[in-house]
Amino acid sequence: MGDYFYDKSKMYYENYKAGKLTKKVGSIIQKGDKYLTILREGKRAMFAGGSVDKGETTRQAAIREVFEECGAKVVKLKFVKKDYYSVDWEFEGIKFPNKRVSYTYLCQIEDSEKLSAIGLQGEFAKNTTLKWCTVKELEELRLWEPTLELVKKIEKENIRV
């Protein structure tokens, strides 16, 4: 396990021991009827997102995650949803429920041809790519169902940043 995942797992475990929720953010990057999607070989499609760092607001975290994972600068941001959930996690052989609160933002990014699935060192495999996808493509790429349903709602209600 690389340092990136070790550090994240340690933080999740410390939150668990302290009875705290892990704050997460998700960023749905929108351009017309398409959404910037991170594609990892053998895994379901995903959007930029991650943990909120100490001293950071969820808005700041969303902007940072988009830059870290896609190399993109957010120019507009709109809060769309807050969720509570739990995922099973493991740290140094100890399994525990990682209780989370996630803040999802709809984003518009600066136009750029330099977009790439950068990620932090050890976060993404070298063959990770980005693609602008329609809702139909997101279905085919197995985007996580709750996120897919949110994107469908955004489309149905014509929500824009």
N, C-alpha and C. Protein backbone atom coordinates (compact mmCIF):
# COMPACT_ATOMS: atom_id res chain seq x y z
N MET A 1 0.86 -1.18 0.00
CA MET A 1 0.00 0.00 0.00
C MET A 1 0.90 1.23 0.00
N GLY A 2 0.66 2.17 -0.92
CA GLY A 2 1.46 3.38 -1.00
C GLY A 2 1.17 4.35 0.14
N ASP A 3 2.02 5.35 0.26
CA ASP A 3 1.86 6.35 1.32
C ASP A 3 0.51 7.05 1.26
N TYR A 4 0.04 7.34 0.06
CA TYR A 4 -1.24 8.05 -0.09
C TYR A 4 -2.36 7.27 0.60
N PHE A 5 -2.50 6.00 0.28
CA PHE A 5 -3.58 5.19 0.85
C PHE A 5 -3.34 4.88 2.32
N TYR A 6 -2.10 4.72 2.72
CA TYR A 6 -1.79 4.49 4.12
C TYR A 6 -2.22 5.70 4.95
N ASP A 7 -1.84 6.90 4.50
CA ASP A 7 -2.19 8.12 5.22
C ASP A 7 -3.70 8.32 5.30
N LYS A 8 -4.41 8.07 4.19
CA LYS A 8 -5.88 8.19 4.19
C LYS A 8 -6.50 7.18 5.14
N SER A 9 -6.03 5.93 5.08
CA SER A 9 -6.57 4.88 5.94
C SER A 9 -6.32 5.20 7.41
N LYS A 10 -5.16 5.73 7.72
CA LYS A 10 -4.84 6.11 9.09
C LYS A 10 -5.79 7.22 9.56
N MET A 11 -6.03 8.22 8.70
CA MET A 11 -6.95 9.30 9.05
C MET A 11 -8.36 8.75 9.30
N TYR A 12 -8.82 7.84 8.42
CA TYR A 12 -10.15 7.25 8.59
C TYR A 12 -10.23 6.50 9.92
N TYR A 13 -9.17 5.76 10.26
CA TYR A 13 -9.17 4.99 11.50
C TYR A 13 -9.18 5.92 12.72
N GLU A 14 -8.41 6.99 12.66
CA GLU A 14 -8.40 7.95 13.77
C GLU A 14 -9.77 8.60 13.94
N ASN A 15 -10.44 8.91 12.83
CA ASN A 15 -11.81 9.45 12.91
C ASN A 15 -12.75 8.43 13.54
N TYR A 16 -12.60 7.18 13.14
CA TYR A 16 -13.43 6.10 13.69
C TYR A 16 -13.24 5.99 15.20
N LYS A 17 -11.99 5.96 15.65
CA LYS A 17 -11.70 5.85 17.09
C LYS A 17 -12.27 7.04 17.86
N ALA A 18 -12.25 8.22 17.24
CA ALA A 18 -12.74 9.44 17.91
C ALA A 18 -14.25 9.62 17.75
N GLY A 19 -14.91 8.71 17.02
CA GLY A 19 -16.35 8.82 16.81
C GLY A 19 -16.73 9.96 15.87
N LYS A 20 -15.81 10.35 15.00
CA LYS A 20 -16.04 11.45 14.06
C LYS A 20 -16.43 10.92 12.68
N LEU A 21 -17.16 11.74 11.96
CA LEU A 21 -17.45 11.46 10.55
C LEU A 21 -16.26 11.92 9.71
N THR A 22 -15.97 11.19 8.66
CA THR A 22 -14.99 11.64 7.68
C THR A 22 -15.73 12.51 6.68
N LYS A 23 -15.26 13.74 6.49
CA LYS A 23 -15.87 14.64 5.52
C LYS A 23 -15.30 14.34 4.14
N LYS A 24 -16.18 14.16 3.16
CA LYS A 24 -15.80 13.89 1.79
C LYS A 24 -16.48 14.90 0.87
N VAL A 25 -15.93 15.08 -0.32
CA VAL A 25 -16.56 15.91 -1.34
C VAL A 25 -16.60 15.16 -2.66
N GLY A 26 -17.60 15.47 -3.45
CA GLY A 26 -17.69 14.96 -4.81
C GLY A 26 -17.92 16.14 -5.73
N SER A 27 -17.31 16.11 -6.89
CA SER A 27 -17.41 17.21 -7.83
C SER A 27 -17.93 16.70 -9.17
N ILE A 28 -19.12 17.11 -9.53
CA ILE A 28 -19.71 16.74 -10.81
C ILE A 28 -19.41 17.88 -11.77
N ILE A 29 -18.46 17.65 -12.66
CA ILE A 29 -18.01 18.68 -13.60
C ILE A 29 -18.87 18.61 -14.85
N GLN A 30 -19.57 19.69 -15.11
CA GLN A 30 -20.60 19.73 -16.16
C GLN A 30 -20.17 20.65 -17.31
N LYS A 31 -20.44 20.18 -18.53
CA LYS A 31 -20.23 21.00 -19.73
C LYS A 31 -21.34 20.63 -20.69
N GLY A 32 -22.38 21.47 -20.75
CA GLY A 32 -23.55 21.14 -21.56
C GLY A 32 -24.24 19.91 -21.00
N ASP A 33 -24.41 18.87 -21.82
CA ASP A 33 -25.04 17.63 -21.36
C ASP A 33 -24.01 16.53 -21.09
N LYS A 34 -22.74 16.93 -20.88
CA LYS A 34 -21.69 15.95 -20.62
C LYS A 34 -21.01 16.24 -19.29
N TYR A 35 -20.40 15.17 -18.73
CA TYR A 35 -19.79 15.23 -17.41
C TYR A 35 -18.39 14.65 -17.47
N LEU A 36 -17.41 15.37 -16.89
CA LEU A 36 -16.04 14.92 -16.93
C LEU A 36 -15.87 13.72 -15.99
N THR A 37 -15.47 12.61 -16.56
CA THR A 37 -15.46 11.33 -15.87
C THR A 37 -14.05 10.76 -15.83
N ILE A 38 -13.69 10.22 -14.68
CA ILE A 38 -12.40 9.57 -14.50
C ILE A 38 -12.59 8.08 -14.78
N LEU A 39 -11.81 7.56 -15.71
CA LEU A 39 -11.92 6.15 -16.10
C LEU A 39 -10.66 5.41 -15.68
N ARG A 40 -10.84 4.38 -14.85
CA ARG A 40 -9.74 3.56 -14.35
C ARG A 40 -9.97 2.13 -14.85
N GLU A 41 -8.95 1.56 -15.45
CA GLU A 41 -9.08 0.22 -16.03
C GLU A 41 -9.59 -0.79 -15.00
N GLY A 42 -10.67 -1.50 -15.38
CA GLY A 42 -11.21 -2.55 -14.53
C GLY A 42 -12.07 -2.07 -13.38
N LYS A 43 -12.28 -0.77 -13.27
CA LYS A 43 -13.09 -0.22 -12.17
C LYS A 43 -14.21 0.64 -12.74
N ARG A 44 -15.20 0.89 -11.89
CA ARG A 44 -16.30 1.74 -12.33
C ARG A 44 -15.84 3.18 -12.54
N ALA A 45 -16.55 3.89 -13.40
CA ALA A 45 -16.26 5.29 -13.65
C ALA A 45 -16.50 6.09 -12.37
N MET A 46 -15.83 7.23 -12.26
CA MET A 46 -16.01 8.07 -11.08
C MET A 46 -15.81 9.54 -11.44
N PHE A 47 -16.22 10.39 -10.52
CA PHE A 47 -15.98 11.82 -10.65
C PHE A 47 -14.89 12.23 -9.67
N ALA A 48 -14.33 13.41 -9.86
CA ALA A 48 -13.31 13.92 -8.95
C ALA A 48 -13.91 14.09 -7.56
N GLY A 49 -13.11 13.80 -6.55
CA GLY A 49 -13.58 13.97 -5.18
C GLY A 49 -12.60 13.35 -4.22
N GLY A 50 -12.87 13.53 -2.94
CA GLY A 50 -11.99 12.96 -1.94
C GLY A 50 -12.28 13.52 -0.57
N SER A 51 -11.31 13.40 0.30
CA SER A 51 -11.46 13.83 1.69
C SER A 51 -11.21 15.32 1.84
N VAL A 52 -11.88 15.90 2.83
CA VAL A 52 -11.67 17.30 3.18
C VAL A 52 -10.49 17.35 4.15
N ASP A 53 -9.49 18.15 3.81
CA ASP A 53 -8.32 18.28 4.67
C ASP A 53 -8.61 19.16 5.88
N LYS A 54 -7.84 18.97 6.93
CA LYS A 54 -7.99 19.76 8.15
C LYS A 54 -7.87 21.25 7.83
N GLY A 55 -8.81 22.06 8.34
CA GLY A 55 -8.79 23.49 8.13
C GLY A 55 -9.37 23.95 6.80
N GLU A 56 -9.91 23.03 6.03
CA GLU A 56 -10.42 23.32 4.69
C GLU A 56 -11.94 23.26 4.70
N THR A 57 -12.58 24.15 3.95
CA THR A 57 -14.04 24.06 3.79
C THR A 57 -14.34 23.02 2.72
N THR A 58 -15.58 22.58 2.66
CA THR A 58 -15.95 21.60 1.62
C THR A 58 -15.83 22.23 0.23
N ARG A 59 -16.13 23.49 0.11
CA ARG A 59 -15.98 24.17 -1.19
C ARG A 59 -14.50 24.18 -1.62
N GLN A 60 -13.62 24.53 -0.69
CA GLN A 60 -12.18 24.54 -0.99
C GLN A 60 -11.70 23.14 -1.37
N ALA A 61 -12.21 22.13 -0.66
CA ALA A 61 -11.81 20.75 -0.94
C ALA A 61 -12.27 20.32 -2.34
N ALA A 62 -13.49 20.69 -2.72
CA ALA A 62 -13.99 20.33 -4.05
C ALA A 62 -13.11 20.95 -5.13
N ILE A 63 -12.77 22.21 -4.97
CA ILE A 63 -11.92 22.91 -5.94
C ILE A 63 -10.54 22.24 -6.00
N ARG A 64 -9.97 21.93 -4.84
CA ARG A 64 -8.65 21.30 -4.78
C ARG A 64 -8.66 19.92 -5.43
N GLU A 65 -9.69 19.12 -5.11
CA GLU A 65 -9.77 17.76 -5.67
C GLU A 65 -9.87 17.77 -7.19
N VAL A 66 -10.65 18.70 -7.74
CA VAL A 66 -10.76 18.81 -9.21
C VAL A 66 -9.39 19.12 -9.80
N PHE A 67 -8.67 20.04 -9.17
CA PHE A 67 -7.34 20.38 -9.69
C PHE A 67 -6.38 19.19 -9.55
N GLU A 68 -6.37 18.56 -8.36
CA GLU A 68 -5.45 17.44 -8.13
C GLU A 68 -5.72 16.25 -9.04
N GLU A 69 -6.99 15.96 -9.29
CA GLU A 69 -7.32 14.75 -10.04
C GLU A 69 -7.48 14.95 -11.54
N CYS A 70 -7.80 16.18 -11.96
CA CYS A 70 -8.06 16.42 -13.39
C CYS A 70 -7.19 17.52 -13.99
N GLY A 71 -6.45 18.23 -13.16
CA GLY A 71 -5.64 19.33 -13.66
C GLY A 71 -6.47 20.52 -14.11
N ALA A 72 -7.68 20.65 -13.58
CA ALA A 72 -8.62 21.69 -14.03
C ALA A 72 -8.87 22.74 -12.96
N LYS A 73 -9.11 23.96 -13.41
CA LYS A 73 -9.44 25.06 -12.51
C LYS A 73 -10.96 25.26 -12.50
N VAL A 74 -11.57 25.17 -11.31
CA VAL A 74 -13.01 25.39 -11.17
C VAL A 74 -13.28 26.89 -11.25
N VAL A 75 -14.25 27.27 -12.10
CA VAL A 75 -14.62 28.69 -12.22
C VAL A 75 -16.00 28.97 -11.62
N LYS A 76 -16.85 27.95 -11.50
CA LYS A 76 -18.15 28.08 -10.87
C LYS A 76 -18.44 26.81 -10.08
N LEU A 77 -19.14 26.99 -8.96
CA LEU A 77 -19.41 25.87 -8.06
C LEU A 77 -20.79 26.05 -7.44
N LYS A 78 -21.57 24.97 -7.41
CA LYS A 78 -22.92 25.03 -6.83
C LYS A 78 -23.15 23.78 -5.98
N PHE A 79 -23.50 23.97 -4.71
CA PHE A 79 -23.79 22.85 -3.83
C PHE A 79 -25.08 22.18 -4.29
N VAL A 80 -25.08 20.83 -4.38
CA VAL A 80 -26.28 20.12 -4.82
C VAL A 80 -26.79 19.06 -3.85
N LYS A 81 -25.91 18.50 -2.97
CA LYS A 81 -26.42 17.42 -2.12
C LYS A 81 -25.46 17.11 -0.97
N LYS A 82 -26.07 16.70 0.15
CA LYS A 82 -25.32 16.23 1.31
C LYS A 82 -25.83 14.84 1.65
N ASP A 83 -24.92 13.87 1.83
CA ASP A 83 -25.28 12.48 2.12
C ASP A 83 -24.49 11.97 3.31
N TYR A 84 -25.11 11.05 4.05
CA TYR A 84 -24.44 10.32 5.12
C TYR A 84 -24.41 8.85 4.71
N TYR A 85 -23.26 8.21 4.86
CA TYR A 85 -23.15 6.79 4.52
C TYR A 85 -21.94 6.20 5.24
N SER A 86 -21.77 4.92 5.13
CA SER A 86 -20.65 4.24 5.76
C SER A 86 -20.07 3.22 4.78
N VAL A 87 -18.76 3.07 4.80
CA VAL A 87 -18.09 2.04 4.00
C VAL A 87 -17.16 1.25 4.91
N ASP A 88 -17.05 -0.04 4.66
CA ASP A 88 -16.13 -0.86 5.43
C ASP A 88 -14.71 -0.51 5.01
N TRP A 89 -13.82 -0.38 6.00
CA TRP A 89 -12.44 -0.01 5.71
C TRP A 89 -11.51 -0.84 6.58
N GLU A 90 -10.24 -0.84 6.24
CA GLU A 90 -9.26 -1.58 7.02
C GLU A 90 -7.99 -0.76 7.17
N PHE A 91 -7.44 -0.79 8.38
CA PHE A 91 -6.16 -0.13 8.65
C PHE A 91 -5.35 -1.04 9.56
N GLU A 92 -4.17 -1.43 9.10
CA GLU A 92 -3.26 -2.30 9.85
C GLU A 92 -3.97 -3.52 10.43
N GLY A 93 -4.80 -4.16 9.59
CA GLY A 93 -5.48 -5.39 9.97
C GLY A 93 -6.75 -5.19 10.79
N ILE A 94 -7.12 -3.95 11.06
CA ILE A 94 -8.33 -3.66 11.84
C ILE A 94 -9.42 -3.22 10.87
N LYS A 95 -10.52 -3.94 10.85
CA LYS A 95 -11.65 -3.58 9.99
C LYS A 95 -12.62 -2.72 10.80
N PHE A 96 -13.15 -1.68 10.17
CA PHE A 96 -14.04 -0.75 10.87
C PHE A 96 -14.96 -0.05 9.87
N PRO A 97 -16.11 0.44 10.35
CA PRO A 97 -16.98 1.21 9.47
C PRO A 97 -16.49 2.66 9.38
N ASN A 98 -16.20 3.11 8.18
CA ASN A 98 -15.77 4.49 7.98
C ASN A 98 -17.02 5.31 7.70
N LYS A 99 -17.51 5.98 8.73
CA LYS A 99 -18.74 6.78 8.61
C LYS A 99 -18.39 8.11 7.98
N ARG A 100 -19.18 8.46 6.96
CA ARG A 100 -18.85 9.64 6.15
C ARG A 100 -20.03 10.57 5.97
N VAL A 101 -19.71 11.83 5.75
CA VAL A 101 -20.68 12.81 5.28
C VAL A 101 -20.06 13.39 4.01
N SER A 102 -20.83 13.36 2.93
CA SER A 102 -20.32 13.79 1.64
C SER A 102 -21.10 14.99 1.13
N TYR A 103 -20.37 15.97 0.64
CA TYR A 103 -20.94 17.18 0.07
C TYR A 103 -20.65 17.15 -1.42
N THR A 104 -21.70 17.19 -2.24
CA THR A 104 -21.52 17.11 -3.68
C THR A 104 -21.79 18.47 -4.31
N TYR A 105 -20.88 18.85 -5.20
CA TYR A 105 -20.96 20.14 -5.89
C TYR A 105 -21.03 19.92 -7.40
N LEU A 106 -21.80 20.76 -8.05
CA LEU A 106 -21.84 20.83 -9.50
C LEU A 106 -20.82 21.90 -9.88
N CYS A 107 -19.92 21.58 -10.81
CA CYS A 107 -18.82 22.48 -11.14
C CYS A 107 -18.75 22.79 -12.62
N GLN A 108 -18.24 23.96 -12.89
CA GLN A 108 -17.86 24.34 -14.25
C GLN A 108 -16.38 24.64 -14.18
N ILE A 109 -15.62 24.14 -15.16
CA ILE A 109 -14.18 24.37 -15.16
C ILE A 109 -13.79 25.29 -16.31
N GLU A 110 -12.61 25.85 -16.16
CA GLU A 110 -12.03 26.69 -17.20
C GLU A 110 -11.77 25.83 -18.43
N ASP A 111 -12.07 26.33 -19.61
CA ASP A 111 -11.78 25.57 -20.83
C ASP A 111 -10.28 25.32 -20.93
N SER A 112 -9.93 24.08 -21.21
CA SER A 112 -8.52 23.72 -21.31
C SER A 112 -8.37 22.44 -22.11
N GLU A 113 -7.34 22.38 -22.88
CA GLU A 113 -7.03 21.14 -23.60
C GLU A 113 -6.01 20.33 -22.82
N LYS A 114 -5.57 20.82 -21.66
CA LYS A 114 -4.53 20.17 -20.88
C LYS A 114 -5.08 19.30 -19.77
N LEU A 115 -6.33 18.90 -19.85
CA LEU A 115 -6.92 18.06 -18.82
C LEU A 115 -6.28 16.67 -18.85
N SER A 116 -6.00 16.14 -17.68
CA SER A 116 -5.51 14.77 -17.61
C SER A 116 -5.78 14.23 -16.21
N ALA A 117 -5.93 12.93 -16.13
CA ALA A 117 -6.19 12.28 -14.84
C ALA A 117 -4.87 12.20 -14.09
N ILE A 118 -4.58 13.26 -13.38
CA ILE A 118 -3.30 13.38 -12.69
C ILE A 118 -3.30 12.56 -11.40
N GLY A 119 -4.15 12.95 -10.48
CA GLY A 119 -4.17 12.31 -9.17
C GLY A 119 -2.89 12.57 -8.41
N LEU A 120 -2.91 12.28 -7.13
CA LEU A 120 -1.70 12.40 -6.32
C LEU A 120 -0.84 11.17 -6.53
N GLN A 121 0.40 11.25 -6.15
CA GLN A 121 1.30 10.12 -6.33
C GLN A 121 0.72 8.86 -5.67
N GLY A 122 0.52 7.82 -6.47
CA GLY A 122 -0.01 6.57 -5.96
C GLY A 122 -1.53 6.48 -5.97
N GLU A 123 -2.21 7.58 -6.32
CA GLU A 123 -3.67 7.57 -6.29
C GLU A 123 -4.27 6.87 -7.50
N PHE A 124 -3.78 7.17 -8.69
CA PHE A 124 -4.31 6.59 -9.92
C PHE A 124 -3.25 5.74 -10.61
N ALA A 125 -3.71 4.68 -11.27
CA ALA A 125 -2.82 3.90 -12.12
C ALA A 125 -2.43 4.75 -13.34
N LYS A 126 -1.34 4.43 -13.97
CA LYS A 126 -0.85 5.22 -15.10
C LYS A 126 -1.83 5.27 -16.27
N ASN A 127 -2.66 4.25 -16.43
CA ASN A 127 -3.58 4.21 -17.57
C ASN A 127 -4.95 4.82 -17.25
N THR A 128 -5.06 5.64 -16.22
CA THR A 128 -6.30 6.33 -15.89
C THR A 128 -6.48 7.49 -16.86
N THR A 129 -7.71 7.65 -17.37
CA THR A 129 -7.97 8.70 -18.35
C THR A 129 -9.22 9.50 -17.96
N LEU A 130 -9.44 10.59 -18.68
CA LEU A 130 -10.63 11.42 -18.51
C LEU A 130 -11.45 11.38 -19.79
N LYS A 131 -12.77 11.47 -19.63
CA LYS A 131 -13.65 11.49 -20.80
C LYS A 131 -14.90 12.29 -20.45
N TRP A 132 -15.34 13.12 -21.38
CA TRP A 132 -16.63 13.81 -21.24
C TRP A 132 -17.71 12.81 -21.63
N CYS A 133 -18.63 12.51 -20.71
CA CYS A 133 -19.63 11.47 -20.93
C CYS A 133 -21.06 11.99 -20.80
N THR A 134 -21.93 11.42 -21.61
CA THR A 134 -23.37 11.67 -21.47
C THR A 134 -23.91 10.77 -20.36
N VAL A 135 -25.15 10.98 -19.95
CA VAL A 135 -25.77 10.14 -18.94
C VAL A 135 -25.79 8.68 -19.40
N LYS A 136 -26.12 8.46 -20.67
CA LYS A 136 -26.15 7.09 -21.20
C LYS A 136 -24.78 6.42 -21.07
N GLU A 137 -23.73 7.15 -21.40
CA GLU A 137 -22.38 6.60 -21.26
C GLU A 137 -22.04 6.32 -19.79
N LEU A 138 -22.49 7.20 -18.89
CA LEU A 138 -22.24 6.99 -17.46
C LEU A 138 -22.91 5.70 -16.97
N GLU A 139 -24.09 5.42 -17.51
CA GLU A 139 -24.78 4.16 -17.18
C GLU A 139 -23.94 2.96 -17.64
N GLU A 140 -23.45 3.05 -18.88
CA GLU A 140 -22.66 1.96 -19.45
C GLU A 140 -21.33 1.77 -18.71
N LEU A 141 -20.79 2.86 -18.17
CA LEU A 141 -19.51 2.81 -17.47
C LEU A 141 -19.67 2.48 -15.98
N ARG A 142 -20.90 2.18 -15.57
CA ARG A 142 -21.21 1.75 -14.20
C ARG A 142 -20.86 2.79 -13.13
N LEU A 143 -21.17 4.06 -13.42
CA LEU A 143 -21.01 5.08 -12.39
C LEU A 143 -21.80 4.64 -11.16
N TRP A 144 -21.27 4.90 -9.97
CA TRP A 144 -21.93 4.50 -8.73
C TRP A 144 -23.38 4.96 -8.75
N GLU A 145 -24.31 4.06 -8.48
CA GLU A 145 -25.74 4.28 -8.67
C GLU A 145 -26.27 5.56 -8.00
N PRO A 146 -25.96 5.85 -6.73
CA PRO A 146 -26.47 7.10 -6.14
C PRO A 146 -25.99 8.35 -6.88
N THR A 147 -24.75 8.32 -7.36
CA THR A 147 -24.23 9.46 -8.11
C THR A 147 -24.91 9.55 -9.47
N LEU A 148 -25.11 8.41 -10.12
CA LEU A 148 -25.80 8.38 -11.41
C LEU A 148 -27.22 8.94 -11.27
N GLU A 149 -27.92 8.56 -10.22
CA GLU A 149 -29.27 9.07 -10.00
C GLU A 149 -29.26 10.59 -9.79
N LEU A 150 -28.24 11.10 -9.10
CA LEU A 150 -28.12 12.55 -8.92
C LEU A 150 -27.88 13.24 -10.26
N VAL A 151 -27.04 12.67 -11.10
CA VAL A 151 -26.78 13.25 -12.43
C VAL A 151 -28.07 13.25 -13.26
N LYS A 152 -28.83 12.17 -13.18
CA LYS A 152 -30.11 12.10 -13.92
C LYS A 152 -31.06 13.19 -13.42
N LYS A 153 -31.09 13.42 -12.12
CA LYS A 153 -31.93 14.48 -11.55
C LYS A 153 -31.47 15.84 -12.05
N ILE A 154 -30.16 16.07 -12.08
CA ILE A 154 -29.60 17.33 -12.57
C ILE A 154 -30.03 17.56 -14.02
N GLU A 155 -29.97 16.50 -14.83
CA GLU A 155 -30.39 16.60 -16.23
C GLU A 155 -31.90 16.86 -16.34
N LYS A 156 -32.69 16.07 -15.61
CA LYS A 156 -34.14 16.18 -15.69
C LYS A 156 -34.63 17.56 -15.27
N GLU A 157 -34.01 18.10 -14.23
CA GLU A 157 -34.43 19.41 -13.71
C GLU A 157 -33.64 20.55 -14.35
N ASN A 158 -32.78 20.22 -15.31
CA ASN A 158 -31.97 21.19 -16.03
C ASN A 158 -31.19 22.11 -15.06
N ILE A 159 -30.58 21.51 -14.07
CA ILE A 159 -29.78 22.28 -13.10
C ILE A 159 -28.43 22.58 -13.72
N ARG A 160 -28.04 23.84 -13.64
CA ARG A 160 -26.77 24.29 -14.19
C ARG A 160 -26.05 25.10 -13.12
N VAL A 161 -24.72 25.18 -13.28
CA VAL A 161 -23.89 25.93 -12.33
C VAL A 161 -24.18 27.41 -12.48
